[in-house]
Protein backbone atom coordinates (compact mmCIF):
# COMPACT_ATOMS: atom_id res chain seq x y z
CA ILE A 1 -12.81 -12.72 20.00
CA LYS A 2 -11.51 -9.54 18.87
CA PRO A 3 -10.12 -6.56 20.01
CA THR A 4 -12.29 -3.47 20.61
CA LEU A 5 -10.39 -0.91 19.07
CA GLY A 6 -12.80 0.31 16.22
CA ASP A 7 -11.54 0.59 12.62
CA GLY A 8 -8.57 -0.38 10.67
CA CYS A 9 -7.28 -3.71 12.87
CA ARG A 10 -5.41 -5.74 10.31
CA MET A 11 -3.04 -8.82 9.77
CA HIS A 12 -3.06 -10.04 12.81
CA LYS A 13 -0.37 -12.59 13.77
CA PHE A 14 -0.39 -15.18 16.66
CA LEU A 15 2.69 -15.98 19.00
CA PRO A 16 4.00 -19.09 19.75
CA ASP A 17 1.86 -19.59 22.86
CA SER A 18 -1.57 -19.87 20.36
CA ASP A 19 -3.21 -17.65 22.75
CA HIS A 20 -1.48 -13.97 22.22
CA PHE A 21 -1.32 -12.00 18.83
CA VAL A 22 -0.11 -9.09 17.39
CA PHE A 23 -1.99 -6.63 14.76
CA PHE A 24 -1.55 -3.36 13.51
CA LEU A 25 -4.10 -0.61 13.74
CA ALA A 26 -4.23 1.64 11.55
CA ARG A 27 -6.56 4.94 11.08
CA THR A 28 -8.07 5.90 7.68
CA PRO A 29 -9.83 8.92 6.80
CA GLY A 30 -13.55 8.45 7.42
CA SER A 31 -13.04 6.94 10.56
CA VAL A 32 -15.04 8.05 13.32
CA GLU A 33 -13.01 9.19 16.53
CA SER A 34 -13.65 9.81 19.92
CA LYS A 35 -11.98 11.27 22.34
CA ASN A 36 -11.02 7.37 24.18
CA ALA A 37 -9.58 6.78 19.84
CA GLN A 38 -6.53 4.38 20.22
CA ALA A 39 -3.50 5.38 18.21
CA SER A 40 -2.08 3.97 15.35
CA GLY A 41 0.55 1.15 15.91
CA LEU A 42 1.44 -2.35 16.63
CA TYR A 43 -0.87 -3.71 19.49
CA LEU A 44 -0.93 -7.15 21.85
CA GLY A 45 -4.06 -9.02 22.18
CA ALA A 46 -5.00 -12.51 23.33
CA LEU A 47 -8.04 -14.67 23.37
CA SER A 48 -7.73 -15.31 26.61
CA SER A 49 -8.43 -11.76 27.49
CA SER A 50 -10.30 -8.73 26.07
CA THR A 51 -7.95 -6.12 26.94
CA VAL A 52 -5.20 -5.00 24.32
CA LYS A 53 -1.44 -3.23 25.05
CA LEU A 54 -0.25 -0.75 22.56
CA LEU A 55 3.95 -2.32 21.67
CA SER A 56 4.92 0.68 19.38
CA THR A 57 3.48 3.48 17.39
CA ASP A 58 6.06 3.27 14.49
CA ILE A 59 5.27 -0.21 13.13
CA VAL A 60 1.84 0.13 11.05
CA ASN A 61 2.49 -2.85 8.76
CA ASN A 62 2.25 -6.50 8.51
CA VAL A 63 4.93 -8.28 11.01
CA ALA A 64 6.39 -11.47 11.38
CA VAL A 65 7.22 -12.77 14.96
CA ARG A 66 10.01 -15.40 15.06
CA ALA A 67 13.04 -16.47 16.70
CA GLY A 68 12.48 -13.81 19.65
CA ARG A 69 12.30 -10.99 17.18
CA ILE A 70 9.53 -8.70 15.70
CA TYR A 71 10.44 -8.42 12.06
CA PHE A 72 8.66 -4.92 10.41
CA VAL A 73 9.30 -2.77 7.59
CA ARG A 74 10.03 0.94 7.57
CA ASP A 75 10.97 3.16 4.78
CA ARG A 76 11.18 -0.23 2.67
CA SER A 77 13.80 -0.99 4.68
CA LEU A 78 12.93 -4.63 6.53
CA LEU A 79 14.19 -4.26 10.47
CA ALA A 80 14.02 -6.93 13.29
CA GLN A 81 13.66 -5.95 17.21
CA PRO A 82 13.80 -8.17 19.95
CA PHE A 83 10.72 -9.53 21.63
CA ASP A 84 10.88 -10.71 25.07
CA MET A 85 8.17 -13.35 25.05
CA ALA A 86 8.17 -13.52 28.85
CA HIS A 87 7.03 -9.99 29.36
CA MET A 88 5.46 -9.70 25.99
CA GLU A 89 7.17 -6.42 25.10
CA LEU A 90 9.85 -4.91 22.43
CA THR A 91 13.48 -4.76 23.90
CA GLY A 92 16.59 -2.93 22.39
CA LYS A 93 16.72 -1.41 19.24
CA PRO A 94 15.27 -2.43 15.32
CA GLU A 95 18.31 -3.98 13.32
CA VAL A 96 18.20 -3.30 9.59
CA MET A 97 18.09 -6.47 7.81
CA VAL A 98 17.25 -5.16 3.96
CA ALA A 99 17.95 -1.72 3.31
CA GLU A 100 15.38 -0.11 0.77
CA GLU A 101 13.98 -3.43 -1.36
CA LEU A 102 10.77 -3.53 -0.19
CA GLU A 103 7.79 -2.09 -1.70
CA GLY A 104 4.48 -2.03 0.09
CA ASP A 105 0.73 -2.08 -0.95
CA PRO A 106 -0.41 1.52 -0.88
CA ALA A 107 -4.01 0.66 -0.19
CA PHE A 108 -3.50 -1.86 2.89
CA SER A 109 0.69 -1.33 3.76
CA ARG A 110 1.54 -4.82 3.37
CA TYR A 111 4.97 -5.96 2.24
CA GLY A 112 5.96 -9.37 0.67
CA PHE A 113 8.33 -10.81 3.47
CA SER A 114 8.42 -14.49 5.07
CA VAL A 115 10.41 -15.74 8.49
CA SER A 116 11.11 -18.84 9.02
CA ASP A 117 11.30 -20.14 13.13
CA ASP A 118 15.01 -20.57 12.98
CA GLY A 119 15.25 -16.60 11.61
CA LEU A 120 15.87 -17.42 7.45
CA VAL A 121 13.98 -14.47 5.43
CA THR A 122 12.58 -14.45 2.52
CA PHE A 123 11.20 -11.16 0.84
CA GLN A 124 10.39 -9.96 -2.42
CA SER A 125 12.85 -7.44 -3.66
CA VAL A 126 12.38 -4.50 -5.75
CA ALA A 127 15.89 -3.99 -6.78
CA ASP A 128 15.98 -7.30 -8.06
CA ASN A 129 12.38 -7.28 -9.39
CA ALA A 130 12.80 -6.88 -13.37
CA THR A 131 9.34 -6.13 -14.80
CA ARG A 132 7.54 -5.09 -17.85
CA LEU A 133 4.01 -4.04 -19.37
CA SER A 134 3.03 -6.31 -22.16
CA TRP A 135 -0.03 -6.53 -24.19
CA PHE A 136 -1.26 -9.43 -25.88
CA ASP A 137 -3.71 -10.43 -28.79
CA ARG A 138 -6.71 -13.35 -28.29
CA GLU A 139 -4.08 -16.04 -29.34
CA GLY A 140 -1.47 -14.91 -26.63
CA ARG A 141 1.08 -13.22 -29.19
CA GLU A 142 2.66 -10.18 -27.66
CA LEU A 143 1.57 -7.25 -29.61
CA GLN A 144 3.90 -4.49 -27.51
CA SER A 145 5.79 -4.43 -24.43
CA ILE A 146 7.50 -2.14 -22.20
CA ALA A 147 10.42 -2.73 -20.15
CA SER A 148 10.43 -0.50 -17.24
CA ASP A 149 10.62 -1.93 -13.40
CA THR A 150 8.92 1.22 -12.01
CA PHE A 151 5.56 1.23 -13.46
CA ARG A 152 2.85 -0.21 -11.52
CA ASP A 153 -1.15 0.07 -11.21
CA PRO A 154 -1.43 0.62 -14.98
CA GLU A 155 -4.69 1.87 -16.75
CA LEU A 156 -5.44 2.02 -20.48
CA SER A 157 -7.77 4.61 -22.12
CA THR A 158 -10.86 2.92 -23.91
CA ASP A 159 -9.15 3.46 -27.28
CA GLY A 160 -5.94 2.04 -26.21
CA LYS A 161 -4.00 4.96 -27.44
CA LEU A 162 -3.03 6.20 -23.96
CA LEU A 163 -1.61 4.73 -20.64
CA ALA A 164 -1.39 5.79 -16.81
CA VAL A 165 0.64 4.17 -14.60
CA SER A 166 1.93 4.58 -10.68
CA SER A 167 5.95 5.40 -11.66
CA ASP A 168 8.78 4.97 -9.02
CA ASP A 169 10.66 7.42 -11.17
CA GLY A 170 14.02 7.61 -8.94
CA HIS A 171 14.26 3.70 -7.51
CA ASN A 172 13.61 5.42 -3.62
CA GLY A 173 9.36 4.65 -2.73
CA LYS A 174 8.01 8.10 -4.12
CA ARG A 175 5.52 7.16 -6.66
CA PHE A 176 4.25 9.73 -9.29
CA ILE A 177 1.03 9.18 -11.95
CA ARG A 178 2.71 9.05 -15.52
CA THR A 179 1.03 8.86 -18.55
CA TYR A 180 2.52 6.87 -21.71
CA ASP A 181 1.24 7.50 -25.58
CA ILE A 182 1.71 3.94 -26.63
CA LEU A 183 1.44 5.14 -30.08
CA ARG A 184 4.65 7.81 -29.64
CA GLY A 185 6.37 5.68 -27.30
CA THR A 186 6.47 8.95 -25.22
CA SER A 187 5.41 9.23 -21.33
CA THR A 188 4.65 12.02 -19.27
CA ARG A 189 4.72 12.85 -15.57
CA ILE A 190 1.83 14.92 -14.55
CA THR A 191 1.86 14.49 -10.87
CA SER A 192 4.17 15.73 -8.05
CA GLY A 193 2.99 13.71 -4.72
CA GLY A 194 5.37 11.24 -4.14
CA SER A 195 2.87 8.83 -3.23
CA ASP A 196 0.39 8.52 -5.98
CA ALA A 197 -0.93 5.42 -7.29
CA PHE A 198 -3.86 3.84 -8.84
CA PRO A 199 -4.73 6.02 -11.89
CA VAL A 200 -8.21 5.73 -13.47
CA LEU A 201 -8.68 7.58 -16.81
CA SER A 202 -12.27 9.05 -17.71
CA PRO A 203 -13.53 7.66 -21.06
CA ASP A 204 -12.21 10.50 -22.97
CA ALA A 205 -8.79 9.85 -21.34
CA LYS A 206 -8.48 13.89 -20.71
CA LEU A 207 -8.72 13.66 -16.81
CA VAL A 208 -7.12 10.80 -14.15
CA ALA A 209 -8.45 10.78 -10.90
CA PHE A 210 -5.56 8.72 -8.71
CA ASN A 211 -5.06 8.32 -4.86
CA ASP A 212 -2.68 9.71 -2.30
CA GLN A 213 -2.93 8.03 0.91
CA PHE A 214 -6.80 7.17 0.82
CA ASN A 215 -6.96 10.94 -0.78
CA MET A 216 -8.50 10.97 -4.15
CA PHE A 217 -7.09 13.60 -6.52
CA ILE A 218 -8.08 14.43 -10.22
CA VAL A 219 -5.86 16.05 -12.55
CA PRO A 220 -5.67 16.48 -16.46
CA THR A 221 -3.81 13.94 -18.66
CA GLU A 222 -2.40 17.03 -21.06
CA ASP A 223 -2.42 20.35 -19.18
CA SER A 224 0.02 21.50 -16.31
CA LYS A 225 -2.18 22.33 -14.02
CA SER A 226 -2.33 21.05 -10.18
CA PRO A 227 -4.42 18.22 -9.05
CA GLU A 228 -7.44 18.51 -7.36
CA ARG A 229 -8.71 17.24 -4.28
CA LEU A 230 -12.53 15.14 -4.56
CA ASP A 231 -12.86 13.49 -1.43
CA ASP A 232 -10.81 10.85 0.68
CA GLY A 233 -11.62 7.02 -0.27
CA LEU A 234 -10.56 5.10 -2.90
CA GLU A 235 -11.45 5.68 -6.54
CA ASN A 236 -12.51 2.25 -9.15
CA ASP A 237 -13.93 3.85 -11.94
CA TRP A 238 -15.61 6.25 -14.47
CA SER A 239 -18.98 6.07 -15.88
CA ARG A 240 -18.99 5.98 -19.58
CA ASN A 241 -20.49 9.38 -20.14
CA GLY A 242 -17.80 10.67 -17.80
CA ARG A 243 -20.07 12.24 -15.43
CA PHE A 244 -19.62 10.16 -12.20
CA LEU A 245 -16.26 8.43 -10.75
CA LEU A 246 -17.39 5.47 -8.62
CA TYR A 247 -14.99 5.02 -5.50
CA MET A 248 -15.10 3.54 -2.06
CA LYS A 249 -15.08 5.01 1.03
CA PHE A 250 -13.77 4.01 4.46
CA LEU A 251 -16.21 4.25 7.26
CA GLN A 252 -15.65 2.81 10.92
CA GLU A 253 -18.10 0.10 10.13
CA ASN A 254 -15.52 -1.18 7.47
CA PHE A 255 -12.97 -2.00 9.78
CA GLN A 256 -14.93 -3.85 12.86
């Protein structure tokens, strides 16, 4: 049994009665809209019924339902809002549990947190998550590393001299595409969108395709030109001759 809301139904979670469940609906570019299309947000469904109920248009990521509250992330902060299990509805106002420390998967809006039945919260903190990018040889010896906790989605050029990454320069959740010259040890920011991710370098490393909320763009790695929009979707790879870009396009049937 599943709700009939069309595309974008994700992250279903059962409630304690083992009948009702919550999920969020996220509209994506390329989805087929109609005059009866439902809004993005958090919905309530049930195995015993084919109807669904909108709980909130402000919650569009994975949630946890524990100890009479629904936990969710908004603006990188973990919040908890009272949930009336008898009437199956949100009540009161959200309370901030953790401020601006969570970062989600930009493709599927999933955040790393979990809550026990008695309200104990565990989460993955960006502020305390020290990371680095490292290169290793075939024997497992580290050759080089970049000590940066802001880099994500690394993409090496085919000659191994240039690295493209998504970088949270200000540690504030706003991401930009950077290139990193491995031989010189210098980096350059080449986009300014604020939610740029998943860079894919062309074979000659002169262009990089990237994503901004399911919109694909292309920009030179050296010139200071503005990005050019290509299409909606999610880029995957360049052909070796540089003529073609392989990408995923999210249509309605992908989320049925």
